[in-house]
Amino acid sequence: MHLRAMSTGEPHPLAPKLAVLSHLQRFRDSAASYTIQVSADHVGVLFHRVEAGENELIVWDWKSGHIEVVRISGSYRAVR
């Protein structure tokens, strides 16, 4: 995900230098969709993977770029 300022479309000034959040998924799914939620310094993405039969939630601190939480269909891993 590219972190952009809504007012200008430029890289967000408070985001990490590259202003990109990334996460390598374990499965490719052509029918996948996602939901994004922002709350203060955190952004979460819920990946709905139909073909893989599981969902994956990733939460980042968007200002640092660090992944805070990974949750895959019932399993949970706090990254800190």
N, C-alpha and C. Protein backbone atom coordinates (compact mmCIF):
# COMPACT_ATOMS: atom_id res chain seq x y z
N MET A 1 0.84 -1.16 0.00
CA MET A 1 0.00 0.00 0.00
C MET A 1 0.89 1.23 0.00
N HIS A 2 0.54 2.17 -0.82
CA HIS A 2 1.25 3.44 -0.87
C HIS A 2 0.52 4.43 0.03
N LEU A 3 1.24 5.05 0.95
CA LEU A 3 0.64 5.99 1.89
C LEU A 3 0.73 7.40 1.32
N ARG A 4 -0.43 7.96 0.99
CA ARG A 4 -0.50 9.27 0.34
C ARG A 4 -1.31 10.25 1.18
N ALA A 5 -0.98 11.50 1.09
CA ALA A 5 -1.77 12.55 1.73
C ALA A 5 -3.04 12.75 0.91
N MET A 6 -4.18 12.77 1.57
CA MET A 6 -5.44 12.92 0.84
C MET A 6 -5.57 14.29 0.18
N SER A 7 -4.95 15.29 0.75
CA SER A 7 -5.08 16.65 0.21
C SER A 7 -4.26 16.87 -1.06
N THR A 8 -3.12 16.17 -1.19
CA THR A 8 -2.23 16.44 -2.32
C THR A 8 -1.98 15.22 -3.21
N GLY A 9 -2.17 14.02 -2.67
CA GLY A 9 -1.84 12.81 -3.42
C GLY A 9 -0.35 12.49 -3.39
N GLU A 10 0.43 13.32 -2.75
CA GLU A 10 1.86 13.09 -2.61
C GLU A 10 2.11 12.10 -1.46
N PRO A 11 3.31 11.49 -1.38
CA PRO A 11 3.61 10.62 -0.24
C PRO A 11 3.35 11.36 1.07
N HIS A 12 2.72 10.67 2.01
CA HIS A 12 2.35 11.30 3.28
C HIS A 12 3.61 11.72 4.03
N PRO A 13 3.67 12.96 4.53
CA PRO A 13 4.89 13.44 5.19
C PRO A 13 5.21 12.73 6.51
N LEU A 14 4.22 12.09 7.15
CA LEU A 14 4.47 11.39 8.41
C LEU A 14 4.75 9.90 8.22
N ALA A 15 4.66 9.43 7.00
CA ALA A 15 4.87 8.01 6.69
C ALA A 15 6.37 7.71 6.60
N PRO A 16 6.74 6.42 6.65
CA PRO A 16 8.16 6.06 6.47
C PRO A 16 8.68 6.62 5.15
N LYS A 17 9.98 6.67 5.02
CA LYS A 17 10.62 7.31 3.86
C LYS A 17 10.06 6.85 2.51
N LEU A 18 9.87 5.54 2.33
CA LEU A 18 9.34 5.05 1.06
C LEU A 18 7.82 5.17 0.97
N ALA A 19 7.13 5.40 2.12
CA ALA A 19 5.68 5.55 2.18
C ALA A 19 4.95 4.36 1.57
N VAL A 20 5.48 3.15 1.80
CA VAL A 20 4.86 1.93 1.29
C VAL A 20 4.80 0.90 2.41
N LEU A 21 3.62 0.29 2.59
CA LEU A 21 3.46 -0.83 3.51
C LEU A 21 3.32 -2.09 2.68
N SER A 22 4.05 -3.13 3.03
CA SER A 22 3.96 -4.36 2.24
C SER A 22 3.86 -5.57 3.14
N HIS A 23 3.28 -6.62 2.58
CA HIS A 23 3.15 -7.89 3.28
C HIS A 23 3.02 -8.97 2.21
N LEU A 24 3.87 -9.98 2.29
CA LEU A 24 3.83 -11.08 1.33
C LEU A 24 2.81 -12.10 1.80
N GLN A 25 1.80 -12.35 0.99
CA GLN A 25 0.78 -13.32 1.35
C GLN A 25 1.22 -14.73 0.96
N ARG A 26 0.74 -15.70 1.74
CA ARG A 26 1.12 -17.09 1.52
C ARG A 26 0.44 -17.70 0.30
N PHE A 27 -0.76 -17.22 -0.06
CA PHE A 27 -1.51 -17.80 -1.18
C PHE A 27 -1.97 -16.69 -2.12
N ARG A 28 -1.95 -16.99 -3.40
CA ARG A 28 -2.55 -16.08 -4.38
C ARG A 28 -3.99 -16.52 -4.56
N ASP A 29 -4.89 -15.55 -4.68
CA ASP A 29 -6.31 -15.86 -4.80
C ASP A 29 -6.94 -14.87 -5.76
N SER A 30 -7.35 -15.33 -6.93
CA SER A 30 -7.91 -14.43 -7.94
C SER A 30 -9.27 -13.87 -7.53
N ALA A 31 -9.93 -14.50 -6.54
CA ALA A 31 -11.23 -14.03 -6.07
C ALA A 31 -11.11 -13.22 -4.77
N ALA A 32 -9.90 -12.88 -4.36
CA ALA A 32 -9.69 -12.19 -3.08
C ALA A 32 -10.23 -10.76 -3.12
N SER A 33 -10.66 -10.30 -1.97
CA SER A 33 -11.02 -8.90 -1.79
C SER A 33 -10.42 -8.45 -0.46
N TYR A 34 -10.57 -7.20 -0.13
CA TYR A 34 -9.98 -6.72 1.10
C TYR A 34 -10.80 -5.57 1.68
N THR A 35 -10.63 -5.35 2.98
CA THR A 35 -11.25 -4.25 3.70
C THR A 35 -10.15 -3.51 4.44
N ILE A 36 -10.14 -2.17 4.35
CA ILE A 36 -9.12 -1.36 4.99
C ILE A 36 -9.77 -0.49 6.07
N GLN A 37 -9.14 -0.41 7.24
CA GLN A 37 -9.62 0.44 8.33
C GLN A 37 -8.43 1.21 8.90
N VAL A 38 -8.59 2.52 9.06
CA VAL A 38 -7.56 3.36 9.66
C VAL A 38 -8.06 3.84 11.01
N SER A 39 -7.19 3.79 12.01
CA SER A 39 -7.50 4.30 13.34
C SER A 39 -6.24 4.90 13.94
N ALA A 40 -6.22 6.21 14.06
CA ALA A 40 -5.07 6.94 14.60
C ALA A 40 -3.79 6.55 13.84
N ASP A 41 -2.81 5.96 14.53
CA ASP A 41 -1.53 5.62 13.90
C ASP A 41 -1.51 4.22 13.31
N HIS A 42 -2.66 3.57 13.26
CA HIS A 42 -2.71 2.19 12.76
C HIS A 42 -3.60 2.08 11.53
N VAL A 43 -3.21 1.17 10.66
CA VAL A 43 -4.04 0.81 9.51
C VAL A 43 -4.10 -0.71 9.46
N GLY A 44 -5.31 -1.23 9.31
CA GLY A 44 -5.50 -2.67 9.23
C GLY A 44 -6.09 -3.04 7.89
N VAL A 45 -5.66 -4.17 7.37
CA VAL A 45 -6.22 -4.69 6.13
C VAL A 45 -6.65 -6.12 6.39
N LEU A 46 -7.92 -6.40 6.10
CA LEU A 46 -8.45 -7.75 6.18
C LEU A 46 -8.54 -8.29 4.76
N PHE A 47 -7.74 -9.29 4.47
CA PHE A 47 -7.75 -9.93 3.16
C PHE A 47 -8.74 -11.09 3.21
N HIS A 48 -9.77 -11.04 2.35
CA HIS A 48 -10.77 -12.10 2.26
C HIS A 48 -10.34 -13.02 1.12
N ARG A 49 -9.85 -14.20 1.44
CA ARG A 49 -9.33 -15.11 0.41
C ARG A 49 -10.28 -16.29 0.26
N VAL A 50 -11.02 -16.27 -0.82
CA VAL A 50 -12.05 -17.28 -1.08
C VAL A 50 -11.44 -18.62 -1.41
N GLU A 51 -10.53 -18.65 -2.37
CA GLU A 51 -9.95 -19.92 -2.83
C GLU A 51 -9.09 -20.59 -1.75
N ALA A 52 -8.37 -19.81 -0.95
CA ALA A 52 -7.51 -20.38 0.09
C ALA A 52 -8.32 -20.83 1.30
N GLY A 53 -9.56 -20.34 1.43
CA GLY A 53 -10.42 -20.75 2.52
C GLY A 53 -10.05 -20.16 3.87
N GLU A 54 -9.33 -19.04 3.86
CA GLU A 54 -9.00 -18.38 5.11
C GLU A 54 -8.89 -16.88 4.89
N ASN A 55 -9.02 -16.15 5.98
CA ASN A 55 -8.85 -14.70 5.94
C ASN A 55 -7.58 -14.34 6.68
N GLU A 56 -7.03 -13.18 6.36
CA GLU A 56 -5.81 -12.73 7.01
C GLU A 56 -5.94 -11.26 7.36
N LEU A 57 -5.66 -10.93 8.61
CA LEU A 57 -5.69 -9.55 9.08
C LEU A 57 -4.26 -9.11 9.40
N ILE A 58 -3.87 -7.97 8.84
CA ILE A 58 -2.56 -7.39 9.10
C ILE A 58 -2.79 -5.98 9.62
N VAL A 59 -2.14 -5.62 10.72
CA VAL A 59 -2.24 -4.26 11.28
C VAL A 59 -0.83 -3.67 11.33
N TRP A 60 -0.68 -2.49 10.73
CA TRP A 60 0.59 -1.78 10.72
C TRP A 60 0.49 -0.51 11.56
N ASP A 61 1.61 -0.09 12.13
CA ASP A 61 1.77 1.29 12.58
C ASP A 61 2.20 2.03 11.32
N TRP A 62 1.31 2.82 10.74
CA TRP A 62 1.61 3.38 9.42
C TRP A 62 2.69 4.46 9.47
N LYS A 63 2.93 5.04 10.63
CA LYS A 63 3.98 6.06 10.71
C LYS A 63 5.37 5.44 10.74
N SER A 64 5.50 4.24 11.32
CA SER A 64 6.80 3.58 11.36
C SER A 64 6.95 2.54 10.24
N GLY A 65 5.82 2.03 9.76
CA GLY A 65 5.86 0.99 8.74
C GLY A 65 5.96 -0.41 9.30
N HIS A 66 5.98 -0.55 10.63
CA HIS A 66 6.12 -1.87 11.27
C HIS A 66 4.78 -2.59 11.36
N ILE A 67 4.81 -3.90 11.12
CA ILE A 67 3.62 -4.73 11.31
C ILE A 67 3.45 -4.98 12.80
N GLU A 68 2.26 -4.73 13.31
CA GLU A 68 1.97 -4.89 14.73
C GLU A 68 1.27 -6.23 15.01
N VAL A 69 0.38 -6.65 14.12
CA VAL A 69 -0.43 -7.86 14.33
C VAL A 69 -0.61 -8.59 13.02
N VAL A 70 -0.53 -9.93 13.09
CA VAL A 70 -0.89 -10.80 11.97
C VAL A 70 -1.86 -11.82 12.53
N ARG A 71 -3.01 -11.94 11.90
CA ARG A 71 -4.00 -12.93 12.34
C ARG A 71 -4.53 -13.65 11.10
N ILE A 72 -4.44 -14.98 11.14
CA ILE A 72 -4.88 -15.79 10.00
C ILE A 72 -5.94 -16.76 10.49
N SER A 73 -7.17 -16.56 10.09
CA SER A 73 -8.30 -17.45 10.39
C SER A 73 -8.22 -18.13 11.75
N GLY A 74 -8.22 -17.35 12.80
CA GLY A 74 -8.25 -17.91 14.13
C GLY A 74 -6.91 -17.96 14.83
N SER A 75 -5.81 -18.00 14.10
CA SER A 75 -4.50 -17.95 14.75
C SER A 75 -4.14 -16.48 14.93
N TYR A 76 -3.28 -16.19 15.87
CA TYR A 76 -2.94 -14.80 16.20
C TYR A 76 -1.45 -14.70 16.51
N ARG A 77 -0.83 -13.65 15.98
CA ARG A 77 0.58 -13.43 16.28
C ARG A 77 0.81 -11.92 16.43
N ALA A 78 1.13 -11.49 17.64
CA ALA A 78 1.53 -10.11 17.87
C ALA A 78 3.00 -10.02 17.47
N VAL A 79 3.34 -9.05 16.67
CA VAL A 79 4.67 -8.98 16.08
C VAL A 79 5.66 -8.24 16.97
N ARG A 80 5.22 -7.33 17.77
CA ARG A 80 6.13 -6.51 18.59
C ARG A 80 7.06 -7.34 19.32
